[in-house]
């Protein structure tokens, strides 16, 4: 378990170093533009998914995708002449 944690920590350190090298080469103005543009893209995406989910919540199209609840059917078991369970097992061996 400790070995797996160590691997994940090393992967995290590698990703952190890569991002620091990538972002360290950007100027302060470029870094600010990248952060603001990513923030706007994620906010617009979040609002789109939230509003579309609320809009489609009560429509008939959304209700068609919900499957109907069905009863569980029993399993067909072919019965042999001997039922082999823990109670009848001793009787089965006594007959032989």
PDB file of N, CA and C in Angstrom:
ATOM      1  N   UNK A   1       0.829  -1.190   0.000  1.00  0.00           N
ATOM      2  CA  UNK A   1       0.000   0.000   0.000  1.00  0.00           C
ATOM      3  C   UNK A   1       0.873   1.254   0.000  1.00  0.00           C
ATOM      4  N   UNK A   2       1.965   1.220   0.761  1.00  0.00           N
ATOM      5  CA  UNK A   2       2.857   2.366   0.805  1.00  0.00           C
ATOM      6  C   UNK A   2       3.523   2.585  -0.545  1.00  0.00           C
ATOM      7  N   UNK A   3       3.778   1.486  -1.257  1.00  0.00           N
ATOM      8  CA  UNK A   3       4.421   1.581  -2.564  1.00  0.00           C
ATOM      9  C   UNK A   3       3.516   2.300  -3.560  1.00  0.00           C
ATOM     10  N   UNK A   4       2.218   2.014  -3.518  1.00  0.00           N
ATOM     11  CA  UNK A   4       1.265   2.659  -4.430  1.00  0.00           C
ATOM     12  C   UNK A   4       1.146   4.142  -4.098  1.00  0.00           C
ATOM     13  N   UNK A   5       1.111   4.481  -2.820  1.00  0.00           N
ATOM     14  CA  UNK A   5       1.071   5.897  -2.431  1.00  0.00           C
ATOM     15  C   UNK A   5       2.308   6.623  -2.928  1.00  0.00           C
ATOM     16  N   UNK A   6       3.450   5.963  -2.830  1.00  0.00           N
ATOM     17  CA  UNK A   6       4.700   6.561  -3.290  1.00  0.00           C
ATOM     18  C   UNK A   6       4.651   6.824  -4.799  1.00  0.00           C
ATOM     19  N   UNK A   7       4.104   5.884  -5.547  1.00  0.00           N
ATOM     20  CA  UNK A   7       3.987   6.059  -6.998  1.00  0.00           C
ATOM     21  C   UNK A   7       3.088   7.246  -7.319  1.00  0.00           C
ATOM     22  N   UNK A   8       1.940   7.350  -6.649  1.00  0.00           N
ATOM     23  CA  UNK A   8       1.023   8.462  -6.909  1.00  0.00           C
ATOM     24  C   UNK A   8       1.642   9.806  -6.523  1.00  0.00           C
ATOM     25  N   UNK A   9       2.405   9.828  -5.428  1.00  0.00           N
ATOM     26  CA  UNK A   9       3.071  11.067  -5.040  1.00  0.00           C
ATOM     27  C   UNK A   9       4.096  11.483  -6.086  1.00  0.00           C
ATOM     28  N   UNK A  10       4.849  10.522  -6.599  1.00  0.00           N
ATOM     29  CA  UNK A  10       5.851  10.830  -7.627  1.00  0.00           C
ATOM     30  C   UNK A  10       5.195  11.329  -8.909  1.00  0.00           C
ATOM     31  N   UNK A  11       4.062  10.746  -9.287  1.00  0.00           N
ATOM     32  CA  UNK A  11       3.331  11.212 -10.471  1.00  0.00           C
ATOM     33  C   UNK A  11       2.845  12.639 -10.242  1.00  0.00           C
ATOM     34  N   UNK A  12       2.331  12.925  -9.043  1.00  0.00           N
ATOM     35  CA  UNK A  12       1.884  14.279  -8.711  1.00  0.00           C
ATOM     36  C   UNK A  12       3.020  15.285  -8.767  1.00  0.00           C
ATOM     37  N   UNK A  13       4.190  14.895  -8.247  1.00  0.00           N
ATOM     38  CA  UNK A  13       5.350  15.782  -8.298  1.00  0.00           C
ATOM     39  C   UNK A  13       5.769  16.041  -9.742  1.00  0.00           C
ATOM     40  N   UNK A  14       5.720  15.010 -10.571  1.00  0.00           N
ATOM     41  CA  UNK A  14       6.096  15.172 -11.980  1.00  0.00           C
ATOM     42  C   UNK A  14       5.150  16.121 -12.705  1.00  0.00           C
ATOM     43  N   UNK A  15       3.853  15.978 -12.460  1.00  0.00           N
ATOM     44  CA  UNK A  15       2.865  16.870 -13.086  1.00  0.00           C
ATOM     45  C   UNK A  15       3.053  18.296 -12.592  1.00  0.00           C
ATOM     46  N   UNK A  16       3.306  18.455 -11.307  1.00  0.00           N
ATOM     47  CA  UNK A  16       3.520  19.787 -10.743  1.00  0.00           C
ATOM     48  C   UNK A  16       4.760  20.443 -11.355  1.00  0.00           C
ATOM     49  N   UNK A  17       5.835  19.696 -11.490  1.00  0.00           N
ATOM     50  CA  UNK A  17       7.049  20.243 -12.106  1.00  0.00           C
ATOM     51  C   UNK A  17       6.818  20.638 -13.558  1.00  0.00           C
ATOM     52  N   UNK A  18       6.080  19.788 -14.291  1.00  0.00           N
ATOM     53  CA  UNK A  18       5.787  20.095 -15.694  1.00  0.00           C
ATOM     54  C   UNK A  18       4.991  21.384 -15.814  1.00  0.00           C
ATOM     55  N   UNK A  19       3.956  21.540 -14.981  1.00  0.00           N
ATOM     56  CA  UNK A  19       3.144  22.759 -15.039  1.00  0.00           C
ATOM     57  C   UNK A  19       3.935  23.991 -14.616  1.00  0.00           C
ATOM     58  N   UNK A  20       4.809  23.838 -13.645  1.00  0.00           N
ATOM     59  CA  UNK A  20       5.636  24.979 -13.230  1.00  0.00           C
ATOM     60  C   UNK A  20       6.581  25.405 -14.353  1.00  0.00           C
ATOM     61  N   UNK A  21       7.179  24.442 -15.058  1.00  0.00           N
ATOM     62  CA  UNK A  21       8.045  24.785 -16.193  1.00  0.00           C
ATOM     63  C   UNK A  21       7.250  25.438 -17.312  1.00  0.00           C
ATOM     64  N   UNK A  22       6.048  24.903 -17.578  1.00  0.00           N
ATOM     65  CA  UNK A  22       5.224  25.433 -18.661  1.00  0.00           C
ATOM     66  C   UNK A  22       4.739  26.844 -18.340  1.00  0.00           C
ATOM     67  N   UNK A  23       4.238  27.050 -17.129  1.00  0.00           N
ATOM     68  CA  UNK A  23       3.719  28.364 -16.756  1.00  0.00           C
ATOM     69  C   UNK A  23       4.834  29.349 -16.403  1.00  0.00           C
ATOM     70  N   UNK A  24       5.988  28.844 -15.997  1.00  0.00           N
ATOM     71  CA  UNK A  24       7.094  29.722 -15.648  1.00  0.00           C
ATOM     72  C   UNK A  24       7.663  30.448 -16.852  1.00  0.00           C
ATOM     73  N   UNK A  25       7.501  29.867 -18.037  1.00  0.00           N
ATOM     74  CA  UNK A  25       8.033  30.507 -19.242  1.00  0.00           C
ATOM     75  C   UNK A  25       7.115  31.612 -19.758  1.00  0.00           C
ATOM     76  N   UNK A  26       5.895  31.707 -19.239  1.00  0.00           N
ATOM     77  CA  UNK A  26       4.959  32.743 -19.675  1.00  0.00           C
ATOM     78  C   UNK A  26       5.227  34.043 -18.910  1.00  0.00           C
ATOM     79  N   UNK A  27       4.966  35.143 -19.581  1.00  0.00           N
ATOM     80  CA  UNK A  27       5.080  36.423 -18.887  1.00  0.00           C
ATOM     81  C   UNK A  27       3.853  36.615 -17.987  1.00  0.00           C
ATOM     82  N   UNK A  28       3.910  37.609 -17.116  1.00  0.00           N
ATOM     83  CA  UNK A  28       2.802  37.827 -16.176  1.00  0.00           C
ATOM     84  C   UNK A  28       1.519  38.202 -16.899  1.00  0.00           C
ATOM     85  N   UNK A  29       1.604  39.007 -17.942  1.00  0.00           N
ATOM     86  CA  UNK A  29       0.401  39.399 -18.694  1.00  0.00           C
ATOM     87  C   UNK A  29      -0.207  38.209 -19.426  1.00  0.00           C
ATOM     88  N   UNK A  30       0.643  37.402 -20.025  1.00  0.00           N
ATOM     89  CA  UNK A  30       0.143  36.217 -20.736  1.00  0.00           C
ATOM     90  C   UNK A  30      -0.495  35.238 -19.761  1.00  0.00           C
ATOM     91  N   UNK A  31       0.126  35.053 -18.605  1.00  0.00           N
ATOM     92  CA  UNK A  31      -0.420  34.159 -17.584  1.00  0.00           C
ATOM     93  C   UNK A  31      -1.791  34.636 -17.123  1.00  0.00           C
ATOM     94  N   UNK A  32      -1.951  35.938 -16.936  1.00  0.00           N
ATOM     95  CA  UNK A  32      -3.230  36.502 -16.521  1.00  0.00           C
ATOM     96  C   UNK A  32      -4.294  36.298 -17.597  1.00  0.00           C
ATOM     97  N   UNK A  33      -3.929  36.489 -18.857  1.00  0.00           N
ATOM     98  CA  UNK A  33      -4.879  36.279 -19.964  1.00  0.00           C
ATOM     99  C   UNK A  33      -5.304  34.812 -20.031  1.00  0.00           C
ATOM    100  N   UNK A  34      -4.368  33.892 -19.862  1.00  0.00           N
ATOM    101  CA  UNK A  34      -4.694  32.458 -19.903  1.00  0.00           C
ATOM    102  C   UNK A  34      -5.637  32.092 -18.758  1.00  0.00           C
ATOM    103  N   UNK A  35      -5.367  32.585 -17.567  1.00  0.00           N
ATOM    104  CA  UNK A  35      -6.213  32.272 -16.404  1.00  0.00           C
ATOM    105  C   UNK A  35      -7.618  32.830 -16.581  1.00  0.00           C
ATOM    106  N   UNK A  36      -7.737  34.058 -17.028  1.00  0.00           N
ATOM    107  CA  UNK A  36      -9.064  34.671 -17.211  1.00  0.00           C
ATOM    108  C   UNK A  36      -9.834  33.975 -18.327  1.00  0.00           C
ATOM    109  N   UNK A  37      -9.154  33.614 -19.432  1.00  0.00           N
ATOM    110  CA  UNK A  37      -9.863  32.936 -20.525  1.00  0.00           C
ATOM    111  C   UNK A  37     -10.325  31.544 -20.095  1.00  0.00           C
ATOM    112  N   UNK A  38      -9.495  30.803 -19.350  1.00  0.00           N
ATOM    113  CA  UNK A  38      -9.922  29.488 -18.861  1.00  0.00           C
ATOM    114  C   UNK A  38     -11.089  29.626 -17.885  1.00  0.00           C
ATOM    115  N   UNK A  39     -11.041  30.643 -17.034  1.00  0.00           N
ATOM    116  CA  UNK A  39     -12.129  30.886 -16.092  1.00  0.00           C
ATOM    117  C   UNK A  39     -13.435  31.167 -16.833  1.00  0.00           C
ATOM    118  N   UNK A  40     -13.383  32.003 -17.856  1.00  0.00           N
ATOM    119  CA  UNK A  40     -14.594  32.314 -18.621  1.00  0.00           C
ATOM    120  C   UNK A  40     -15.131  31.089 -19.356  1.00  0.00           C
ATOM    121  N   UNK A  41     -14.241  30.285 -19.944  1.00  0.00           N
ATOM    122  CA  UNK A  41     -14.679  29.075 -20.659  1.00  0.00           C
ATOM    123  C   UNK A  41     -15.379  28.115 -19.700  1.00  0.00           C
ATOM    124  N   UNK A  42     -14.799  27.895 -18.527  1.00  0.00           N
ATOM    125  CA  UNK A  42     -15.406  26.974 -17.566  1.00  0.00           C
ATOM    126  C   UNK A  42     -16.711  27.512 -16.983  1.00  0.00           C
ATOM    127  N   UNK A  43     -16.803  28.808 -16.763  1.00  0.00           N
ATOM    128  CA  UNK A  43     -18.040  29.390 -16.243  1.00  0.00           C
ATOM    129  C   UNK A  43     -19.162  29.271 -17.274  1.00  0.00           C
ATOM    130  N   UNK A  44     -18.848  29.558 -18.539  1.00  0.00           N
ATOM    131  CA  UNK A  44     -19.861  29.440 -19.594  1.00  0.00           C
ATOM    132  C   UNK A  44     -20.305  27.985 -19.743  1.00  0.00           C
ATOM    133  N   UNK A  45     -19.362  27.038 -19.707  1.00  0.00           N
ATOM    134  CA  UNK A  45     -19.719  25.616 -19.791  1.00  0.00           C
ATOM    135  C   UNK A  45     -20.577  25.172 -18.628  1.00  0.00           C
ATOM    136  N   UNK A  46     -20.225  25.615 -17.438  1.00  0.00           N
ATOM    137  CA  UNK A  46     -21.002  25.263 -16.252  1.00  0.00           C
ATOM    138  C   UNK A  46     -22.412  25.821 -16.333  1.00  0.00           C
ATOM    139  N   UNK A  47     -22.541  27.072 -16.721  1.00  0.00           N
ATOM    140  CA  UNK A  47     -23.879  27.673 -16.850  1.00  0.00           C
ATOM    141  C   UNK A  47     -24.701  26.979 -17.934  1.00  0.00           C
ATOM    142  N   UNK A  48     -24.061  26.620 -19.054  1.00  0.00           N
ATOM    143  CA  UNK A  48     -24.785  25.930 -20.133  1.00  0.00           C
ATOM    144  C   UNK A  48     -25.353  24.601 -19.636  1.00  0.00           C
ATOM    145  N   UNK A  49     -24.515  23.776 -18.999  1.00  0.00           N
ATOM    146  CA  UNK A  49     -24.994  22.476 -18.533  1.00  0.00           C
ATOM    147  C   UNK A  49     -26.046  22.619 -17.436  1.00  0.00           C
ATOM    148  N   UNK A  50     -25.890  23.580 -16.559  1.00  0.00           N
ATOM    149  CA  UNK A  50     -26.872  23.774 -15.489  1.00  0.00           C
ATOM    150  C   UNK A  50     -28.215  24.212 -16.055  1.00  0.00           C
ATOM    151  N   UNK A  51     -28.207  25.194 -16.938  1.00  0.00           N
ATOM    152  CA  UNK A  51     -29.454  25.706 -17.505  1.00  0.00           C
ATOM    153  C   UNK A  51     -30.120  24.670 -18.394  1.00  0.00           C
ATOM    154  N   UNK A  52     -29.349  23.935 -19.206  1.00  0.00           N
ATOM    155  CA  UNK A  52     -29.958  22.921 -20.069  1.00  0.00           C
ATOM    156  C   UNK A  52     -30.541  21.773 -19.253  1.00  0.00           C
ATOM    157  N   UNK A  53     -29.911  21.431 -18.137  1.00  0.00           N
ATOM    158  CA  UNK A  53     -30.459  20.376 -17.279  1.00  0.00           C
ATOM    159  C   UNK A  53     -31.765  20.817 -16.632  1.00  0.00           C
ATOM    160  N   UNK A  54     -31.806  22.029 -16.128  1.00  0.00           N
ATOM    161  CA  UNK A  54     -33.040  22.538 -15.519  1.00  0.00           C
ATOM    162  C   UNK A  54     -34.137  22.675 -16.566  1.00  0.00           C
ATOM    163  N   UNK A  55     -33.795  23.104 -17.774  1.00  0.00           N
ATOM    164  CA  UNK A  55     -34.783  23.268 -18.836  1.00  0.00           C
ATOM    165  C   UNK A  55     -35.377  21.923 -19.261  1.00  0.00           C
ATOM    166  N   UNK A  56     -34.546  20.903 -19.389  1.00  0.00           N
ATOM    167  CA  UNK A  56     -35.006  19.588 -19.865  1.00  0.00           C
ATOM    168  C   UNK A  56     -35.564  18.706 -18.755  1.00  0.00           C
ATOM    169  N   UNK A  57     -35.574  19.181 -17.534  1.00  0.00           N
ATOM    170  CA  UNK A  57     -35.975  18.356 -16.407  1.00  0.00           C
ATOM    171  C   UNK A  57     -37.412  17.852 -16.517  1.00  0.00           C
ATOM    172  N   UNK A  58     -38.356  18.694 -16.864  1.00  0.00           N
ATOM    173  CA  UNK A  58     -39.752  18.289 -16.859  1.00  0.00           C
ATOM    174  C   UNK A  58     -40.320  17.958 -18.224  1.00  0.00           C
ATOM    175  N   UNK A  59     -39.532  18.016 -19.264  1.00  0.00           N
ATOM    176  CA  UNK A  59     -40.044  17.757 -20.605  1.00  0.00           C
ATOM    177  C   UNK A  59     -40.294  16.275 -20.839  1.00  0.00           C
ATOM    178  N   UNK A  60     -41.142  15.987 -21.815  1.00  0.00           N
ATOM    179  CA  UNK A  60     -41.510  14.608 -22.120  1.00  0.00           C
ATOM    180  C   UNK A  60     -40.324  13.828 -22.676  1.00  0.00           C
ATOM    181  N   UNK A  61     -39.396  14.494 -23.345  1.00  0.00           N
ATOM    182  CA  UNK A  61     -38.235  13.789 -23.880  1.00  0.00           C
ATOM    183  C   UNK A  61     -37.396  13.190 -22.757  1.00  0.00           C
ATOM    184  N   UNK A  62     -37.288  13.900 -21.668  1.00  0.00           N
ATOM    185  CA  UNK A  62     -36.528  13.391 -20.535  1.00  0.00           C
ATOM    186  C   UNK A  62     -37.205  12.209 -19.874  1.00  0.00           C
ATOM    187  N   UNK A  63     -38.531  12.176 -19.895  1.00  0.00           N
ATOM    188  CA  UNK A  63     -39.270  11.083 -19.265  1.00  0.00           C
ATOM    189  C   UNK A  63     -39.194   9.800 -20.083  1.00  0.00           C
ATOM    190  N   UNK A  64     -38.981   9.898 -21.395  1.00  0.00           N
ATOM    191  CA  UNK A  64     -38.902   8.698 -22.228  1.00  0.00           C
ATOM    192  C   UNK A  64     -37.630   7.900 -21.956  1.00  0.00           C
ATOM    193  N   UNK A  65     -36.600   8.537 -21.480  1.00  0.00           N
ATOM    194  CA  UNK A  65     -35.343   7.833 -21.265  1.00  0.00           C
ATOM    195  C   UNK A  65     -35.334   7.040 -19.962  1.00  0.00           C
ATOM    196  N   UNK A  66     -36.302   7.255 -19.085  1.00  0.00           N
ATOM    197  CA  UNK A  66     -36.335   6.532 -17.819  1.00  0.00           C
ATOM    198  C   UNK A  66     -36.925   5.140 -18.062  1.00  0.00           C
ATOM    199  N   UNK A  67     -36.194   4.069 -17.738  1.00  0.00           N
ATOM    200  CA  UNK A  67     -36.727   2.723 -17.977  1.00  0.00           C
ATOM    201  C   UNK A  67     -37.831   2.385 -16.988  1.00  0.00           C
ATOM    202  N   UNK A  68     -38.724   1.493 -17.417  1.00  0.00           N
ATOM    203  CA  UNK A  68     -39.814   1.066 -16.551  1.00  0.00           C
ATOM    204  C   UNK A  68     -39.293   0.081 -15.512  1.00  0.00           C
ATOM    205  N   UNK A  69     -39.904   0.094 -14.346  1.00  0.00           N
ATOM    206  CA  UNK A  69     -39.534  -0.836 -13.288  1.00  0.00           C
ATOM    207  C   UNK A  69     -40.226  -2.165 -13.563  1.00  0.00           C
ATOM    208  N   UNK A  70     -39.462  -3.242 -13.539  1.00  0.00           N
ATOM    209  CA  UNK A  70     -40.010  -4.575 -13.790  1.00  0.00           C
ATOM    210  C   UNK A  70     -39.706  -5.476 -12.606  1.00  0.00           C
ATOM    211  N   UNK A  71     -40.551  -6.483 -12.447  1.00  0.00           N
ATOM    212  CA  UNK A  71     -40.332  -7.454 -11.387  1.00  0.00           C
ATOM    213  C   UNK A  71     -39.210  -8.406 -11.788  1.00  0.00           C
ATOM    214  N   UNK A  72     -38.497  -8.884 -10.804  1.00  0.00           N
ATOM    215  CA  UNK A  72     -37.439  -9.851 -11.059  1.00  0.00           C
ATOM    216  C   UNK A  72     -38.080 -11.204 -11.279  1.00  0.00           C
ATOM    217  N   UNK A  73     -37.678 -11.868 -12.357  1.00  0.00           N
ATOM    218  CA  UNK A  73     -38.238 -13.178 -12.659  1.00  0.00           C
ATOM    219  C   UNK A  73     -37.438 -14.251 -11.943  1.00  0.00           C
ATOM    220  N   UNK A  74     -38.113 -15.325 -11.598  1.00  0.00           N
ATOM    221  CA  UNK A  74     -37.456 -16.438 -10.915  1.00  0.00           C
ATOM    222  C   UNK A  74     -36.564 -17.211 -11.864  1.00  0.00           C
ATOM    223  N   UNK A  75     -35.629 -17.951 -11.302  1.00  0.00           N
ATOM    224  CA  UNK A  75     -34.690 -18.741 -12.079  1.00  0.00           C
ATOM    225  C   UNK A  75     -35.292 -20.125 -12.288  1.00  0.00           C
ATOM    226  N   UNK A  76     -35.266 -20.603 -13.533  1.00  0.00           N
ATOM    227  CA  UNK A  76     -35.746 -21.953 -13.829  1.00  0.00           C
ATOM    228  C   UNK A  76     -34.631 -22.944 -13.531  1.00  0.00           C
ATOM    229  N   UNK A  77     -34.880 -23.820 -12.556  1.00  0.00           N
ATOM    230  CA  UNK A  77     -33.898 -24.820 -12.178  1.00  0.00           C
ATOM    231  C   UNK A  77     -34.451 -26.183 -12.539  1.00  0.00           C
ATOM    232  N   UNK A  78     -33.650 -26.944 -13.255  1.00  0.00           N
ATOM    233  CA  UNK A  78     -34.070 -28.301 -13.614  1.00  0.00           C
ATOM    234  C   UNK A  78     -33.855 -29.183 -12.392  1.00  0.00           C
ATOM    235  N   UNK A  79     -34.930 -29.785 -11.929  1.00  0.00           N
ATOM    236  CA  UNK A  79     -34.840 -30.610 -10.733  1.00  0.00           C
ATOM    237  C   UNK A  79     -34.502 -32.039 -11.122  1.00  0.00           C
ATOM    238  N   UNK A  80     -33.461 -32.549 -10.503  1.00  0.00           N
ATOM    239  CA  UNK A  80     -33.142 -33.955 -10.679  1.00  0.00           C
ATOM    240  C   UNK A  80     -33.878 -34.744  -9.604  1.00  0.00           C
ATOM    241  N   UNK A  81     -33.697 -36.026  -9.576  1.00  0.00           N
ATOM    242  CA  UNK A  81     -34.380 -36.852  -8.590  1.00  0.00           C
ATOM    243  C   UNK A  81     -33.895 -36.590  -7.172  1.00  0.00           C
ATOM    244  N   UNK A  82     -32.702 -36.036  -7.026  1.00  0.00           N
ATOM    245  CA  UNK A  82     -32.130 -35.836  -5.705  1.00  0.00           C
ATOM    246  C   UNK A  82     -31.859 -34.341  -5.514  1.00  0.00           C
ATOM    247  N   UNK A  83     -32.318 -33.844  -4.403  1.00  0.00           N
ATOM    248  CA  UNK A  83     -32.002 -32.459  -4.062  1.00  0.00           C
ATOM    249  C   UNK A  83     -30.768 -32.479  -3.185  1.00  0.00           C
ATOM    250  N   UNK A  84     -29.739 -31.797  -3.631  1.00  0.00           N
ATOM    251  CA  UNK A  84     -28.479 -31.845  -2.895  1.00  0.00           C
ATOM    252  C   UNK A  84     -28.307 -30.553  -2.103  1.00  0.00           C
ATOM    253  N   UNK A  85     -28.782 -30.576  -0.918  1.00  0.00           N
ATOM    254  CA  UNK A  85     -28.535 -29.480  -0.006  1.00  0.00           C
ATOM    255  C   UNK A  85     -27.934 -30.062   1.260  1.00  0.00           C
ATOM    256  N   UNK A  86     -27.653 -29.256   2.221  1.00  0.00           N
ATOM    257  CA  UNK A  86     -26.954 -29.741   3.414  1.00  0.00           C
ATOM    258  C   UNK A  86     -27.815 -30.657   4.270  1.00  0.00           C
ATOM    259  N   UNK A  87     -29.115 -30.544   4.173  1.00  0.00           N
ATOM    260  CA  UNK A  87     -29.977 -31.393   4.989  1.00  0.00           C
ATOM    261  C   UNK A  87     -30.103 -32.776   4.368  1.00  0.00           C
ATOM    262  N   UNK A  88     -30.316 -32.832   3.068  1.00  0.00           N
ATOM    263  CA  UNK A  88     -30.568 -34.109   2.405  1.00  0.00           C
ATOM    264  C   UNK A  88     -29.285 -34.807   1.975  1.00  0.00           C
ATOM    265  N   UNK A  89     -28.128 -34.233   2.203  1.00  0.00           N
ATOM    266  CA  UNK A  89     -26.882 -34.825   1.745  1.00  0.00           C
ATOM    267  C   UNK A  89     -26.592 -36.131   2.482  1.00  0.00           C
ATOM    268  N   UNK A  90     -26.848 -36.197   3.783  1.00  0.00           N
ATOM    269  CA  UNK A  90     -26.601 -37.408   4.542  1.00  0.00           C
ATOM    270  C   UNK A  90     -27.531 -38.524   4.070  1.00  0.00           C
ATOM    271  N   UNK A  91     -28.799 -38.209   3.806  1.00  0.00           N
ATOM    272  CA  UNK A  91     -29.743 -39.214   3.316  1.00  0.00           C
ATOM    273  C   UNK A  91     -29.327 -39.729   1.946  1.00  0.00           C
ATOM    274  N   UNK A  92     -28.724 -38.883   1.114  1.00  0.00           N
ATOM    275  CA  UNK A  92     -28.316 -39.293  -0.226  1.00  0.00           C
ATOM    276  C   UNK A  92     -27.189 -40.329  -0.142  1.00  0.00           C
ATOM    277  N   UNK A  93     -26.208 -40.087   0.759  1.00  0.00           N
ATOM    278  CA  UNK A  93     -25.109 -41.032   0.867  1.00  0.00           C
ATOM    279  C   UNK A  93     -25.501 -42.324   1.556  1.00  0.00           C
ATOM    280  N   UNK A  94     -26.503 -42.282   2.407  1.00  0.00           N
ATOM    281  CA  UNK A  94     -26.965 -43.492   3.081  1.00  0.00           C
ATOM    282  C   UNK A  94     -27.666 -44.408   2.100  1.00  0.00           C
ATOM    283  N   UNK A  95     -28.306 -43.884   1.063  1.00  0.00           N
ATOM    284  CA  UNK A  95     -29.018 -44.705   0.092  1.00  0.00           C
ATOM    285  C   UNK A  95     -28.065 -45.490  -0.790  1.00  0.00           C
ATOM    286  N   UNK A  96     -26.854 -45.011  -0.982  1.00  0.00           N
ATOM    287  CA  UNK A  96     -25.918 -45.697  -1.888  1.00  0.00           C
ATOM    288  C   UNK A  96     -25.271 -46.869  -1.288  1.00  0.00           C
TER     289      UNK A  96
END
